[in-house]
Amino acid sequence: MKRIAAFLGCLGAATAIAMSQSCSRTCTAVGCPSGATLYADLATTTEQLRASQIAICHNDECLSRSLAELTDPTEGIGRGVTLPADQSTIDQTKSPHASAVFWLKGAGQLSITVEWTPWSPGDLKAGDVYRVEITGRGGEVTLRLAETVDRYVETYPNGEACDMQPCRSIVFDRRAP
């Protein structure tokens, strides 16, 4: 049986030190996010976004919602939405979730940060395809991204002997320099 010897919060990531009574190995329980992050510039306004739908997909699984409730981002402060909108059942249904945050870069230019988080890092494999699409009321496409994963970056923040599986992540940055 393991005992929790300490619990510290640091930048949103919980750190716990677990010590086993039957052995001298000490493992930390540092969390790390698994999933994909996509960055892109947008050629639209917040007003146009509010009349749009966003779909964020991992392979054939898509989450979508209206952007009608989006508020105006200000420089340095992003505004976003979560998918699904009600995340209270994610643990019960073992479902993935996503977010889209819109940023004002200056001179009215908008950008987006999209994050897809799987239920389990084991759900992520080389060859995965991520798609993001923002579509207006009339069917006009504001953004369409499709990215294929060659290889995820794998990390073992607690050491390979302690982590049951690696954290897997990938970043796609399609913003103009």
Protein backbone atom coordinates (compact mmCIF):
# COMPACT_ATOMS: atom_id res chain seq x y z
CA MET A 1 0.00 0.00 0.00
CA LYS A 2 1.34 3.43 -0.86
CA ARG A 3 1.12 6.49 1.32
CA ILE A 4 1.06 10.02 0.06
CA ALA A 5 3.90 11.77 1.86
CA ALA A 6 3.43 15.24 0.42
CA PHE A 7 1.21 17.16 -1.94
CA LEU A 8 2.26 20.41 -3.60
CA GLY A 9 0.55 22.47 -6.28
CA CYS A 10 2.82 24.15 -8.84
CA LEU A 11 1.55 26.00 -11.88
CA GLY A 12 -1.56 23.89 -11.98
CA ALA A 13 0.30 20.58 -12.00
CA ALA A 14 -0.05 18.52 -8.86
CA THR A 15 3.06 16.99 -7.41
CA ALA A 16 2.80 14.12 -4.98
CA ILE A 17 5.50 11.96 -3.48
CA ALA A 18 4.45 8.37 -2.93
CA MET A 19 6.53 6.05 -0.82
CA SER A 20 6.02 2.30 -0.72
CA GLN A 21 6.27 0.49 2.62
CA SER A 22 7.69 -2.61 0.94
CA CYS A 23 10.51 -0.99 -1.04
CA SER A 24 12.73 2.07 -0.97
CA ARG A 25 11.78 3.43 -4.40
CA THR A 26 10.25 6.89 -4.31
CA CYS A 27 8.11 8.02 -7.23
CA THR A 28 6.74 11.46 -7.81
CA ALA A 29 3.32 11.90 -9.36
CA VAL A 30 4.03 14.85 -11.60
CA GLY A 31 1.33 15.21 -14.20
CA CYS A 32 1.85 16.24 -17.77
CA PRO A 33 -0.69 16.91 -20.47
CA SER A 34 -0.98 14.59 -23.43
CA GLY A 35 -2.50 15.66 -26.70
CA ALA A 36 -2.10 18.10 -29.55
CA THR A 37 -1.77 21.88 -29.69
CA LEU A 38 -2.37 23.75 -32.94
CA TYR A 39 -1.66 27.44 -33.55
CA ALA A 40 -2.93 29.40 -36.56
CA ASP A 41 -3.66 32.93 -37.72
CA LEU A 42 -7.23 33.86 -38.64
CA ALA A 43 -8.46 36.16 -41.40
CA THR A 44 -11.75 37.08 -39.71
CA THR A 45 -13.25 39.23 -36.97
CA THR A 46 -14.66 38.26 -33.61
CA GLU A 47 -18.09 39.34 -34.87
CA GLN A 48 -17.81 36.86 -37.76
CA LEU A 49 -16.59 34.15 -35.38
CA ARG A 50 -19.69 34.60 -33.21
CA ALA A 51 -21.77 33.59 -36.25
CA SER A 52 -19.68 30.43 -36.74
CA GLN A 53 -19.29 26.83 -35.61
CA ILE A 54 -15.99 25.19 -34.69
CA ALA A 55 -15.20 21.50 -35.11
CA ILE A 56 -12.06 19.98 -33.59
CA CYS A 57 -11.31 16.40 -34.61
CA HIS A 58 -8.87 13.64 -33.69
CA ASN A 59 -9.07 11.01 -36.43
CA ASP A 60 -12.82 10.30 -36.81
CA GLU A 61 -13.86 11.68 -33.41
CA CYS A 62 -15.07 15.28 -33.60
CA LEU A 63 -16.24 17.77 -31.03
CA SER A 64 -18.13 20.83 -32.25
CA ARG A 65 -19.99 23.82 -30.92
CA SER A 66 -21.22 27.29 -31.70
CA LEU A 67 -18.98 30.31 -31.11
CA ALA A 68 -22.00 32.57 -30.45
CA GLU A 69 -20.94 33.18 -26.82
CA LEU A 70 -17.38 34.19 -27.70
CA THR A 71 -16.38 37.51 -26.15
CA ASP A 72 -13.89 39.93 -27.67
CA PRO A 73 -10.27 39.07 -26.93
CA THR A 74 -8.00 41.93 -25.96
CA GLU A 75 -4.30 42.12 -26.60
CA GLY A 76 -2.62 39.61 -24.29
CA ILE A 77 -5.90 38.15 -23.01
CA GLY A 78 -7.39 35.29 -24.98
CA ARG A 79 -11.05 34.32 -25.02
CA GLY A 80 -12.14 30.80 -25.63
CA VAL A 81 -14.57 27.94 -25.57
CA THR A 82 -14.38 24.37 -24.33
CA LEU A 83 -15.65 21.33 -26.15
CA PRO A 84 -17.84 19.80 -25.04
CA ALA A 85 -19.39 22.88 -23.44
CA ASP A 86 -20.42 20.83 -20.39
CA GLN A 87 -17.33 18.98 -19.21
CA SER A 88 -18.92 17.52 -16.08
CA THR A 89 -19.30 14.02 -17.60
CA ILE A 90 -15.82 13.63 -19.13
CA ASP A 91 -14.60 11.37 -16.31
CA GLN A 92 -17.75 9.21 -16.37
CA THR A 93 -17.75 8.78 -20.15
CA LYS A 94 -13.95 8.64 -20.46
CA SER A 95 -14.20 11.19 -23.25
CA PRO A 96 -11.63 13.49 -24.79
CA HIS A 97 -12.03 17.24 -24.56
CA ALA A 98 -10.77 20.26 -26.46
CA SER A 99 -10.48 24.01 -26.22
CA ALA A 100 -10.13 26.89 -28.64
CA VAL A 101 -8.70 30.20 -27.46
CA PHE A 102 -8.78 33.27 -29.68
CA TRP A 103 -6.09 35.95 -29.34
CA LEU A 104 -5.77 39.53 -30.58
CA LYS A 105 -2.28 39.92 -32.03
CA GLY A 106 -2.55 43.64 -32.74
CA ALA A 107 -3.95 45.70 -35.61
CA GLY A 108 -7.13 43.62 -35.43
CA GLN A 109 -5.33 40.37 -36.38
CA LEU A 110 -6.69 37.27 -34.62
CA SER A 111 -5.02 33.95 -33.95
CA ILE A 112 -6.26 30.70 -32.45
CA THR A 113 -4.78 28.12 -30.08
CA VAL A 114 -6.51 24.74 -30.21
CA GLU A 115 -5.84 21.94 -27.73
CA TRP A 116 -7.09 18.36 -27.94
CA THR A 117 -6.75 16.27 -24.79
CA PRO A 118 -7.45 12.53 -24.99
CA TRP A 119 -8.95 10.54 -22.15
CA SER A 120 -5.72 8.51 -22.06
CA PRO A 121 -2.26 9.04 -23.59
CA GLY A 122 -2.67 5.49 -24.94
CA ASP A 123 -5.29 6.87 -27.35
CA LEU A 124 -2.54 8.69 -29.28
CA LYS A 125 -0.58 6.94 -32.02
CA ALA A 126 1.68 7.89 -34.92
CA GLY A 127 -0.49 8.55 -37.96
CA ASP A 128 -3.20 10.37 -35.99
CA VAL A 129 -4.90 13.16 -37.93
CA TYR A 130 -6.08 16.39 -36.30
CA ARG A 131 -8.54 18.67 -38.06
CA VAL A 132 -9.88 22.08 -37.10
CA GLU A 133 -12.60 23.80 -39.08
CA ILE A 134 -14.45 27.04 -38.44
CA THR A 135 -17.52 27.46 -40.64
CA GLY A 136 -19.85 30.48 -40.90
CA ARG A 137 -23.65 30.42 -41.14
CA GLY A 138 -23.55 30.50 -44.93
CA GLY A 139 -21.10 27.60 -45.08
CA GLU A 140 -18.03 29.77 -45.73
CA VAL A 141 -14.90 28.28 -44.21
CA THR A 142 -12.86 30.67 -42.07
CA LEU A 143 -10.25 28.09 -41.07
CA ARG A 144 -9.48 24.59 -42.22
CA LEU A 145 -6.44 22.81 -40.82
CA ALA A 146 -5.47 19.16 -41.18
CA GLU A 147 -2.27 17.84 -39.59
CA THR A 148 -0.91 14.29 -39.44
CA VAL A 149 1.33 13.13 -36.61
CA ASP A 150 4.56 11.46 -37.68
CA ARG A 151 5.66 10.91 -34.10
CA TYR A 152 4.55 12.23 -30.72
CA VAL A 153 7.08 13.60 -28.26
CA GLU A 154 7.09 11.14 -25.36
CA THR A 155 8.10 12.11 -21.83
CA TYR A 156 8.27 10.31 -18.51
CA PRO A 157 8.16 13.14 -15.96
CA ASN A 158 8.39 10.70 -13.04
CA GLY A 159 10.92 8.39 -14.68
CA GLU A 160 10.29 5.32 -16.82
CA ALA A 161 10.29 3.08 -13.74
CA CYS A 162 7.40 5.02 -12.21
CA ASP A 163 5.20 6.10 -15.12
CA MET A 164 2.91 3.38 -16.47
CA GLN A 165 2.91 5.04 -19.89
CA PRO A 166 4.57 8.12 -21.35
CA CYS A 167 2.88 11.46 -21.83
CA ARG A 168 2.50 12.09 -25.55
CA SER A 169 2.29 15.53 -27.12
CA ILE A 170 2.65 17.31 -30.45
CA VAL A 171 2.60 20.96 -31.49
CA PHE A 172 1.68 22.32 -34.93
CA ASP A 173 2.37 26.02 -35.41
CA ARG A 174 0.90 27.50 -38.60
CA ARG A 175 1.14 31.17 -37.58
CA ALA A 176 2.94 33.62 -39.82
CA PRO A 177 6.31 34.71 -38.41
